[in-house]
C-alpha atoms as a PDB file:
ATOM      1  CA  MET A   1     210.648 -42.804-174.595  1.00  0.00           C
ATOM      2  CA  LYS A   2     208.424 -45.776-173.183  1.00  0.00           C
ATOM      3  CA  PRO A   3     204.929 -45.412-173.126  1.00  0.00           C
ATOM      4  CA  PHE A   4     203.708 -44.645-169.472  1.00  0.00           C
ATOM      5  CA  PHE A   5     201.047 -46.805-169.719  1.00  0.00           C
ATOM      6  CA  LYS A   6     200.154 -50.261-170.465  1.00  0.00           C
ATOM      7  CA  LEU A   7     197.332 -50.820-172.621  1.00  0.00           C
ATOM      8  CA  SER A   8     195.050 -51.698-169.464  1.00  0.00           C
ATOM      9  CA  GLN A   9     196.014 -48.535-168.044  1.00  0.00           C
ATOM     10  CA  ILE A  10     195.374 -46.392-171.143  1.00  0.00           C
ATOM     11  CA  SER A  11     192.056 -47.756-171.325  1.00  0.00           C
ATOM     12  CA  PHE A  12     191.147 -46.948-168.213  1.00  0.00           C
ATOM     13  CA  PHE A  13     192.100 -43.117-168.363  1.00  0.00           C
ATOM     14  CA  VAL A  14     190.222 -43.131-171.753  1.00  0.00           C
ATOM     15  CA  PHE A  15     187.159 -44.169-169.981  1.00  0.00           C
ATOM     16  CA  ALA A  16     187.497 -41.572-166.880  1.00  0.00           C
ATOM     17  CA  ALA A  17     188.141 -38.693-169.599  1.00  0.00           C
ATOM     18  CA  TRP A  18     185.230 -39.995-171.582  1.00  0.00           C
ATOM     19  CA  LEU A  19     183.098 -40.173-168.687  1.00  0.00           C
ATOM     20  CA  SER A  20     184.087 -36.803-167.140  1.00  0.00           C
ATOM     21  CA  VAL A  21     182.648 -34.919-170.490  1.00  0.00           C
ATOM     22  CA  SER A  22     179.618 -36.917-170.402  1.00  0.00           C
ATOM     23  CA  CYS A  23     178.409 -36.237-166.897  1.00  0.00           C
ATOM     24  CA  SER A  24     176.168 -33.399-165.644  1.00  0.00           C
ATOM     25  CA  MET A  25     177.307 -29.660-165.320  1.00  0.00           C
ATOM     26  CA  GLU A  26     175.987 -30.033-161.749  1.00  0.00           C
ATOM     27  CA  GLU A  27     178.585 -32.735-161.014  1.00  0.00           C
ATOM     28  CA  PHE A  28     181.925 -30.123-161.705  1.00  0.00           C
ATOM     29  CA  THR A  29     181.596 -27.673-158.870  1.00  0.00           C
ATOM     30  CA  GLU A  30     185.243 -27.161-159.507  1.00  0.00           C
ATOM     31  CA  PHE A  31     185.025 -27.537-163.228  1.00  0.00           C
ATOM     32  CA  SER A  32     186.197 -23.922-163.938  1.00  0.00           C
ATOM     33  CA  GLU A  33     188.940 -23.160-161.335  1.00  0.00           C
ATOM     34  CA  LEU A  34     192.159 -22.911-162.362  1.00  0.00           C
ATOM     35  CA  GLY A  35     195.233 -23.318-160.183  1.00  0.00           C
ATOM     36  CA  GLY A  36     196.582 -26.951-160.747  1.00  0.00           C
ATOM     37  CA  LEU A  37     197.972 -28.681-163.822  1.00  0.00           C
ATOM     38  CA  ARG A  38     195.515 -29.413-166.647  1.00  0.00           C
ATOM     39  CA  ILE A  39     194.722 -29.037-170.164  1.00  0.00           C
ATOM     40  CA  VAL A  40     191.448 -26.978-171.218  1.00  0.00           C
ATOM     41  CA  GLY A  41     191.457 -27.678-174.652  1.00  0.00           C
ATOM     42  CA  ILE A  42     193.231 -29.037-177.738  1.00  0.00           C
ATOM     43  CA  GLU A  43     192.946 -27.384-181.271  1.00  0.00           C
ATOM     44  CA  VAL A  44     193.262 -29.415-184.056  1.00  0.00           C
ATOM     45  CA  SER A  45     194.137 -28.617-187.784  1.00  0.00           C
ATOM     46  CA  ASP A  46     191.791 -31.100-188.792  1.00  0.00           C
ATOM     47  CA  SER A  47     189.196 -33.020-186.491  1.00  0.00           C
ATOM     48  CA  GLU A  48     187.817 -34.997-189.226  1.00  0.00           C
ATOM     49  CA  ILE A  49     190.140 -36.918-191.405  1.00  0.00           C
ATOM     50  CA  ASP A  50     189.803 -37.844-195.129  1.00  0.00           C
ATOM     51  CA  GLY A  51     188.758 -41.668-195.278  1.00  0.00           C
ATOM     52  CA  THR A  52     188.977 -41.682-198.729  1.00  0.00           C
ATOM     53  CA  SER A  53     192.745 -40.700-198.951  1.00  0.00           C
ATOM     54  CA  SER A  54     195.363 -43.406-199.616  1.00  0.00           C
ATOM     55  CA  GLY A  55     198.216 -40.751-198.598  1.00  0.00           C
ATOM     56  CA  THR A  56     199.437 -39.766-195.514  1.00  0.00           C
ATOM     57  CA  GLU A  57     197.273 -37.256-193.564  1.00  0.00           C
ATOM     58  CA  ASN A  58     199.044 -35.063-190.963  1.00  0.00           C
ATOM     59  CA  ILE A  59     197.220 -33.342-188.268  1.00  0.00           C
ATOM     60  CA  THR A  60     198.489 -30.845-186.141  1.00  0.00           C
ATOM     61  CA  LEU A  61     197.129 -30.667-182.548  1.00  0.00           C
ATOM     62  CA  THR A  62     197.890 -27.740-180.177  1.00  0.00           C
ATOM     63  CA  PRO A  63     197.240 -28.492-176.441  1.00  0.00           C
ATOM     64  CA  TYR A  64     196.146 -25.280-174.251  1.00  0.00           C
ATOM     65  CA  ILE A  65     197.568 -25.679-170.708  1.00  0.00           C
ATOM     66  CA  SER A  66     197.017 -23.940-167.300  1.00  0.00           C
ATOM     67  CA  ASP A  67     199.570 -24.710-164.426  1.00  0.00           C
ATOM     68  CA  ILE A  68     199.510 -21.318-162.151  1.00  0.00           C
ATOM     69  CA  ASP A  69     200.228 -22.915-158.815  1.00  0.00           C
ATOM     70  CA  ALA A  70     203.709 -24.706-159.957  1.00  0.00           C
ATOM     71  CA  GLY A  71     204.930 -21.381-161.033  1.00  0.00           C
ATOM     72  CA  GLY A  72     207.127 -22.946-163.333  1.00  0.00           C
ATOM     73  CA  ARG A  73     208.611 -26.646-164.281  1.00  0.00           C
ATOM     74  CA  THR A  74     209.442 -29.130-166.973  1.00  0.00           C
ATOM     75  CA  LEU A  75     206.829 -31.700-167.985  1.00  0.00           C
ATOM     76  CA  SER A  76     207.218 -34.903-169.389  1.00  0.00           C
ATOM     77  CA  VAL A  77     204.900 -35.438-172.057  1.00  0.00           C
ATOM     78  CA  SER A  78     203.411 -38.872-173.590  1.00  0.00           C
ATOM     79  CA  VAL A  79     201.165 -38.868-176.728  1.00  0.00           C
ATOM     80  CA  VAL A  80     199.625 -41.826-178.075  1.00  0.00           C
ATOM     81  CA  SER A  81     197.090 -42.496-180.744  1.00  0.00           C
ATOM     82  CA  CYS A  82     194.854 -45.142-181.369  1.00  0.00           C
ATOM     83  CA  LEU A  83     192.010 -45.978-183.972  1.00  0.00           C
ATOM     84  CA  ASP A  84     189.139 -47.679-181.751  1.00  0.00           C
ATOM     85  CA  ALA A  85     185.578 -48.162-182.920  1.00  0.00           C
ATOM     86  CA  THR A  86     184.732 -49.822-179.829  1.00  0.00           C
ATOM     87  CA  PHE A  87     185.314 -47.726-177.000  1.00  0.00           C
ATOM     88  CA  ALA A  88     182.151 -46.156-176.778  1.00  0.00           C
ATOM     89  CA  GLN A  89     180.340 -49.400-176.026  1.00  0.00           C
ATOM     90  CA  THR A  90     182.886 -51.167-174.319  1.00  0.00           C
ATOM     91  CA  GLY A  91     185.041 -48.537-172.321  1.00  0.00           C
ATOM     92  CA  GLN A  92     188.158 -50.524-173.493  1.00  0.00           C
ATOM     93  CA  LEU A  93     190.634 -49.959-176.325  1.00  0.00           C
ATOM     94  CA  SER A  94     190.708 -52.423-178.571  1.00  0.00           C
ATOM     95  CA  CYS A  95     193.964 -51.498-180.572  1.00  0.00           C
ATOM     96  CA  THR A  96     197.566 -51.414-179.747  1.00  0.00           C
ATOM     97  CA  PRO A  97     198.321 -47.573-179.200  1.00  0.00           C
ATOM     98  CA  ASN A  98     200.981 -45.838-181.592  1.00  0.00           C
ATOM     99  CA  GLN A  99     203.458 -44.028-179.624  1.00  0.00           C
ATOM    100  CA  GLU A 100     204.000 -40.604-181.138  1.00  0.00           C
ATOM    101  CA  THR A 101     206.869 -38.084-180.679  1.00  0.00           C
ATOM    102  CA  TYR A 102     206.547 -34.980-178.822  1.00  0.00           C
ATOM    103  CA  PRO A 103     208.736 -31.957-179.421  1.00  0.00           C
ATOM    104  CA  ASN A 104     211.580 -31.083-177.316  1.00  0.00           C
ATOM    105  CA  SER A 105     212.541 -34.757-176.335  1.00  0.00           C
ATOM    106  CA  ASN A 106     209.123 -35.192-175.314  1.00  0.00           C
ATOM    107  CA  THR A 107     209.109 -32.415-172.740  1.00  0.00           C
ATOM    108  CA  PHE A 108     207.366 -29.256-172.126  1.00  0.00           C
ATOM    109  CA  ASP A 109     208.849 -26.146-170.077  1.00  0.00           C
ATOM    110  CA  THR A 110     205.989 -24.311-168.651  1.00  0.00           C
ATOM    111  CA  SER A 111     208.269 -21.583-167.461  1.00  0.00           C
ATOM    112  CA  THR A 112     208.057 -20.275-171.401  1.00  0.00           C
ATOM    113  CA  LEU A 113     204.423 -19.144-170.285  1.00  0.00           C
ATOM    114  CA  ALA A 114     205.609 -17.148-167.254  1.00  0.00           C
ATOM    115  CA  GLY A 115     204.843 -13.986-168.653  1.00  0.00           C
ATOM    116  CA  SER A 116     200.823 -15.247-169.416  1.00  0.00           C
ATOM    117  CA  SER A 117     200.390 -16.635-165.793  1.00  0.00           C
ATOM    118  CA  TYR A 118     201.830 -19.993-166.919  1.00  0.00           C
ATOM    119  CA  THR A 119     198.807 -20.515-169.507  1.00  0.00           C
ATOM    120  CA  GLY A 120     198.765 -20.871-172.959  1.00  0.00           C
ATOM    121  CA  ALA A 121     199.628 -23.085-175.632  1.00  0.00           C
ATOM    122  CA  MET A 122     201.846 -25.808-175.415  1.00  0.00           C
ATOM    123  CA  ASP A 123     204.127 -26.767-178.297  1.00  0.00           C
ATOM    124  CA  PRO A 124     202.267 -28.216-181.593  1.00  0.00           C
ATOM    125  CA  ILE A 125     202.544 -31.946-182.180  1.00  0.00           C
ATOM    126  CA  THR A 126     201.770 -33.222-185.896  1.00  0.00           C
ATOM    127  CA  ILE A 127     200.798 -36.873-186.315  1.00  0.00           C
ATOM    128  CA  SER A 128     200.854 -38.699-189.422  1.00  0.00           C
ATOM    129  CA  ILE A 129     198.169 -41.021-190.372  1.00  0.00           C
ATOM    130  CA  SER A 130     198.962 -43.197-193.110  1.00  0.00           C
ATOM    131  CA  ASP A 131     196.337 -44.383-195.806  1.00  0.00           C
ATOM    132  CA  PRO A 132     193.278 -43.988-193.760  1.00  0.00           C
ATOM    133  CA  ALA A 133     191.121 -45.385-196.483  1.00  0.00           C
ATOM    134  CA  SER A 134     192.663 -48.704-195.916  1.00  0.00           C
ATOM    135  CA  LEU A 135     192.641 -48.277-192.106  1.00  0.00           C
ATOM    136  CA  ILE A 136     188.487 -47.991-192.033  1.00  0.00           C
ATOM    137  CA  ALA A 137     187.836 -50.236-195.091  1.00  0.00           C
ATOM    138  CA  ASP A 138     187.095 -53.312-193.128  1.00  0.00           C
ATOM    139  CA  PHE A 139     184.713 -51.131-191.015  1.00  0.00           C
ATOM    140  CA  SER A 140     180.678 -50.944-191.905  1.00  0.00           C
ATOM    141  CA  GLU A 141     179.433 -48.436-194.482  1.00  0.00           C
ATOM    142  CA  GLN A 142     177.532 -46.617-191.530  1.00  0.00           C
ATOM    143  CA  LEU A 143     180.656 -46.309-189.415  1.00  0.00           C
ATOM    144  CA  ARG A 144     183.002 -45.094-192.265  1.00  0.00           C
ATOM    145  CA  PHE A 145     180.418 -42.161-193.270  1.00  0.00           C
ATOM    146  CA  ASN A 146     179.716 -41.235-189.695  1.00  0.00           C
ATOM    147  CA  GLY A 147     183.307 -41.387-188.781  1.00  0.00           C
ATOM    148  CA  VAL A 148     185.379 -44.029-187.035  1.00  0.00           C
ATOM    149  CA  PRO A 149     186.958 -42.409-183.960  1.00  0.00           C
ATOM    150  CA  TYR A 150     190.462 -41.855-183.466  1.00  0.00           C
ATOM    151  CA  PHE A 151     192.065 -41.069-180.269  1.00  0.00           C
ATOM    152  CA  VAL A 152     194.922 -39.350-179.048  1.00  0.00           C
ATOM    153  CA  LEU A 153     196.112 -39.229-175.570  1.00  0.00           C
ATOM    154  CA  PHE A 154     198.196 -36.598-174.104  1.00  0.00           C
ATOM    155  CA  THR A 155     199.786 -37.380-170.784  1.00  0.00           C
ATOM    156  CA  LEU A 156     201.590 -34.816-168.580  1.00  0.00           C
ATOM    157  CA  THR A 157     203.827 -35.824-165.814  1.00  0.00           C
ATOM    158  CA  SER A 158     206.288 -34.107-162.932  1.00  0.00           C
ATOM    159  CA  GLY A 159     207.370 -36.121-160.278  1.00  0.00           C
ATOM    160  CA  SER A 160     204.559 -38.162-159.023  1.00  0.00           C
ATOM    161  CA  GLU A 161     201.761 -35.829-160.443  1.00  0.00           C
ATOM    162  CA  THR A 162     200.342 -37.377-163.715  1.00  0.00           C
ATOM    163  CA  PHE A 163     197.454 -35.790-165.995  1.00  0.00           C
ATOM    164  CA  THR A 164     195.783 -37.276-169.122  1.00  0.00           C
ATOM    165  CA  PHE A 165     193.511 -35.603-171.451  1.00  0.00           C
ATOM    166  CA  VAL A 166     191.887 -37.576-174.537  1.00  0.00           C
ATOM    167  CA  LYS A 167     191.229 -36.037-177.943  1.00  0.00           C
ATOM    168  CA  GLN A 168     188.951 -37.676-180.295  1.00  0.00           C
ATOM    169  CA  LEU A 169     189.055 -37.316-184.137  1.00  0.00           C
ATOM    170  CA  ARG A 170     187.258 -38.954-186.688  1.00  0.00           C
ATOM    171  CA  ILE A 171     188.181 -40.921-189.938  1.00  0.00           C
ATOM    172  CA  THR A 172     185.213 -40.542-192.299  1.00  0.00           C
ATOM    173  CA  ASP A 173     184.566 -41.263-196.393  1.00  0.00           C
ATOM    174  CA  ARG A 174     181.602 -38.483-196.102  1.00  0.00           C
ATOM    175  CA  GLY A 175     183.065 -36.289-198.422  1.00  0.00           C
ATOM    176  CA  THR A 176     182.380 -33.292-196.561  1.00  0.00           C
ATOM    177  CA  LEU A 177     184.836 -32.730-193.527  1.00  0.00           C
ATOM    178  CA  ASN A 178     184.108 -31.020-190.204  1.00  0.00           C
ATOM    179  CA  SER A 179     185.406 -27.052-189.889  1.00  0.00           C
ATOM    180  CA  ASN A 180     186.426 -25.746-186.612  1.00  0.00           C
ATOM    181  CA  PRO A 181     184.630 -23.070-184.862  1.00  0.00           C
ATOM    182  CA  GLU A 182     185.831 -19.973-184.486  1.00  0.00           C
ATOM    183  CA  ILE A 183     185.381 -17.370-181.711  1.00  0.00           C
ATOM    184  CA  ASP A 184     184.795 -13.678-182.832  1.00  0.00           C
ATOM    185  CA  GLU A 185     184.221 -12.035-179.436  1.00  0.00           C
ATOM    186  CA  VAL A 186     184.088 -12.716-175.884  1.00  0.00           C
ATOM    187  CA  ILE A 187     181.651 -10.534-174.390  1.00  0.00           C
ATOM    188  CA  PHE A 188     181.742  -9.367-170.623  1.00  0.00           C
ATOM    189  CA  ALA A 189     178.982  -7.483-168.809  1.00  0.00           C
ATOM    190  CA  GLY A 190     177.670  -6.569-172.131  1.00  0.00           C
ATOM    191  CA  SER A 191     181.012  -5.363-173.770  1.00  0.00           C
ATOM    192  CA  VAL A 192     183.585  -6.736-176.013  1.00  0.00           C
ATOM    193  CA  LEU A 193     186.386  -8.024-173.657  1.00  0.00           C
ATOM    194  CA  SER A 194     189.855  -7.177-174.699  1.00  0.00           C
ATOM    195  CA  SER A 195     191.934  -7.735-171.685  1.00  0.00           C
ATOM    196  CA  ALA A 196     191.770  -9.975-168.246  1.00  0.00           C
ATOM    197  CA  PRO A 197     188.697  -8.846-166.263  1.00  0.00           C
ATOM    198  CA  SER A 198     189.111  -7.575-163.130  1.00  0.00           C
ATOM    199  CA  SER A 199     185.601  -7.355-161.794  1.00  0.00           C
ATOM    200  CA  SER A 200     182.126  -9.367-161.580  1.00  0.00           C
ATOM    201  CA  GLY A 201     180.181  -9.840-164.834  1.00  0.00           C
ATOM    202  CA  THR A 202     178.359 -12.084-167.214  1.00  0.00           C
ATOM    203  CA  LEU A 203     180.171 -13.961-169.697  1.00  0.00           C
ATOM    204  CA  SER A 204     179.128 -14.855-173.075  1.00  0.00           C
ATOM    205  CA  LEU A 205     181.000 -15.332-176.679  1.00  0.00           C
ATOM    206  CA  ASP A 206     180.106 -15.146-180.363  1.00  0.00           C
ATOM    207  CA  VAL A 207     181.734 -17.053-183.383  1.00  0.00           C
ATOM    208  CA  THR A 208     182.735 -15.763-186.690  1.00  0.00           C
ATOM    209  CA  SER A 209     180.424 -16.506-189.712  1.00  0.00           C
ATOM    210  CA  ALA A 210     183.008 -18.866-191.225  1.00  0.00           C
ATOM    211  CA  GLY A 211     183.337 -20.890-187.549  1.00  0.00           C
ATOM    212  CA  ALA A 212     179.261 -20.940-187.353  1.00  0.00           C
ATOM    213  CA  PRO A 213     177.572 -24.386-186.344  1.00  0.00           C
ATOM    214  CA  GLU A 214     177.577 -26.406-189.604  1.00  0.00           C
ATOM    215  CA  ASN A 215     174.626 -28.655-191.283  1.00  0.00           C
ATOM    216  CA  TYR A 216     176.151 -32.103-191.772  1.00  0.00           C
ATOM    217  CA  THR A 217     174.709 -35.672-192.513  1.00  0.00           C
ATOM    218  CA  GLU A 218     174.627 -38.825-190.736  1.00  0.00           C
ATOM    219  CA  LEU A 219     174.176 -42.446-191.955  1.00  0.00           C
ATOM    220  CA  THR A 220     171.249 -44.305-189.983  1.00  0.00           C
ATOM    221  CA  GLY A 221     171.153 -47.866-189.602  1.00  0.00           C
ATOM    222  CA  ASP A 222     168.398 -48.526-192.134  1.00  0.00           C
ATOM    223  CA  GLY A 223     170.815 -46.910-194.975  1.00  0.00           C
ATOM    224  CA  THR A 224     169.184 -43.363-194.994  1.00  0.00           C
ATOM    225  CA  THR A 225     170.986 -39.985-194.173  1.00  0.00           C
ATOM    226  CA  GLN A 226     169.718 -37.486-191.864  1.00  0.00           C
ATOM    227  CA  SER A 227     170.795 -33.850-191.697  1.00  0.00           C
ATOM    228  CA  THR A 228     171.943 -32.624-188.506  1.00  0.00           C
ATOM    229  CA  THR A 229     172.953 -29.239-187.205  1.00  0.00           C
ATOM    230  CA  GLU A 230     175.919 -28.879-184.601  1.00  0.00           C
ATOM    231  CA  SER A 231     175.424 -27.578-181.099  1.00  0.00           C
ATOM    232  CA  TYR A 232     178.198 -25.649-179.773  1.00  0.00           C
ATOM    233  CA  LEU A 233     179.569 -26.051-176.086  1.00  0.00           C
ATOM    234  CA  VAL A 234     181.217 -23.270-174.304  1.00  0.00           C
ATOM    235  CA  SER A 235     183.484 -23.901-171.259  1.00  0.00           C
ATOM    236  CA  TRP A 236     184.980 -21.367-168.959  1.00  0.00           C
ATOM    237  CA  PHE A 237     187.917 -21.212-166.808  1.00  0.00           C
ATOM    238  CA  ALA A 238     189.217 -18.682-164.472  1.00  0.00           C
ATOM    239  CA  SER A 239     191.522 -17.905-161.663  1.00  0.00           C
ATOM    240  CA  PRO A 240     191.234 -16.170-159.382  1.00  0.00           C
ATOM    241  CA  GLY A 241     187.165 -16.005-159.383  1.00  0.00           C
ATOM    242  CA  GLU A 242     184.653 -18.145-159.613  1.00  0.00           C
ATOM    243  CA  VAL A 243     182.510 -18.826-163.025  1.00  0.00           C
ATOM    244  CA  THR A 244     178.954 -19.876-162.453  1.00  0.00           C
ATOM    245  CA  VAL A 245     177.945 -22.250-164.751  1.00  0.00           C
ATOM    246  CA  GLY A 246     181.280 -23.661-166.274  1.00  0.00           C
ATOM    247  CA  ARG A 247     179.747 -25.343-169.335  1.00  0.00           C
ATOM    248  CA  VAL A 248     176.896 -23.949-171.127  1.00  0.00           C
ATOM    249  CA  LEU A 249     175.550 -24.213-174.902  1.00  0.00           C
ATOM    250  CA  LEU A 250     176.559 -21.060-177.383  1.00  0.00           C
ATOM    251  CA  GLY A 251     174.215 -18.314-176.607  1.00  0.00           C
ATOM    252  CA  ALA A 252     173.510 -18.737-172.924  1.00  0.00           C
ATOM    253  CA  THR A 253     175.472 -16.755-170.230  1.00  0.00           C
ATOM    254  CA  SER A 254     177.513 -17.664-167.465  1.00  0.00           C
ATOM    255  CA  LYS A 255     178.496 -15.236-164.417  1.00  0.00           C
ATOM    256  CA  LEU A 256     182.306 -14.476-163.313  1.00  0.00           C
ATOM    257  CA  GLU A 257     182.637 -13.298-159.649  1.00  0.00           C
ATOM    258  CA  THR A 258     185.993 -11.653-158.854  1.00  0.00           C
ATOM    259  CA  SER A 259     187.473  -8.515-157.224  1.00  0.00           C
ATOM    260  CA  GLU A 260     190.927  -8.742-159.067  1.00  0.00           C
ATOM    261  CA  ALA A 261     192.636  -9.199-162.294  1.00  0.00           C
ATOM    262  CA  THR A 262     191.898 -12.905-163.465  1.00  0.00           C
ATOM    263  CA  VAL A 263     193.175 -15.485-165.890  1.00  0.00           C
ATOM    264  CA  LEU A 264     189.988 -16.166-167.952  1.00  0.00           C
ATOM    265  CA  ILE A 265     189.773 -18.869-170.586  1.00  0.00           C
ATOM    266  CA  ALA A 266     186.705 -19.452-173.287  1.00  0.00           C
ATOM    267  CA  VAL A 267     186.799 -22.969-174.920  1.00  0.00           C
ATOM    268  CA  VAL A 268     184.365 -23.419-177.789  1.00  0.00           C
ATOM    269  CA  ARG A 269     183.748 -27.180-178.885  1.00  0.00           C
ATOM    270  CA  ASP A 270     181.462 -28.454-181.711  1.00  0.00           C
ATOM    271  CA  ARG A 271     181.401 -31.705-180.646  1.00  0.00           C
ATOM    272  CA  ARG A 272     182.943 -33.233-183.526  1.00  0.00           C
ATOM    273  CA  GLY A 273     186.292 -32.500-182.414  1.00  0.00           C
ATOM    274  CA  GLY A 274     186.607 -28.882-183.536  1.00  0.00           C
ATOM    275  CA  THR A 275     187.463 -26.678-180.752  1.00  0.00           C
ATOM    276  CA  ASP A 276     188.907 -23.024-180.558  1.00  0.00           C
ATOM    277  CA  VAL A 277     190.402 -21.409-177.333  1.00  0.00           C
ATOM    278  CA  GLU A 278     190.544 -17.815-176.234  1.00  0.00           C
ATOM    279  CA  ILE A 279     192.855 -16.770-173.308  1.00  0.00           C
ATOM    280  CA  PHE A 280     193.021 -13.310-171.422  1.00  0.00           C
ATOM    281  CA  THR A 281     195.721 -12.920-168.808  1.00  0.00           C
ATOM    282  CA  PRO A 282     196.542 -10.232-166.246  1.00  0.00           C
END
């Protein structure tokens, strides 16, 4: 399958996706509403890739999707990957994307998720990164240490409808790589949630000790290292019902307002590419 986008088009969609996650929560009045096609998060086996390796690093990515309104359909899936260190400054990709092969002839049938309100994990895809040490060898010491961005773009298409989601990984020679956050419990109205909620209440979550925020080091421009602790961002999605606020820091609460059993999704991100997703469906 040929790529859906030319490089200039890919640049636009990457920039749009990056911009969307950079804006304030107040600008996302419908951020948490489920119904139409969307990817709510992508879990990865490794959000940071060993930049000292001269072999092949295999990274598995699992997108989590919700497509309730369509009631089942076949989506065309295009996946491209790209090593790019300039996007954050320019908003334009400076590399030629690699076309990846998605399972099932680059398609996904959402009917396989009919039993969970057309919400859940898509087929995982494994991408191979050959000789990451050589890939980042020409970058500055600071960028190699802090991580050279490696973007993976997912494009879902059905008829005239197209949805694009960008996942950012990093290739680093820091030595100590990022671990994914792990959701331990989702708390609804003060109690551990075990099934889809059907009434209004507060929302929060806890992470496991193994998935707690990590301390990591960054290399500054003057050649010194500084220690930083991750901050976790929690995103909530629901249908039917309304969540206020849809994005909060770990430890803060949101509120779900609903009068019937609702699909509820919790996503926690560590802002270094690590993600964990928990889904409750009626």
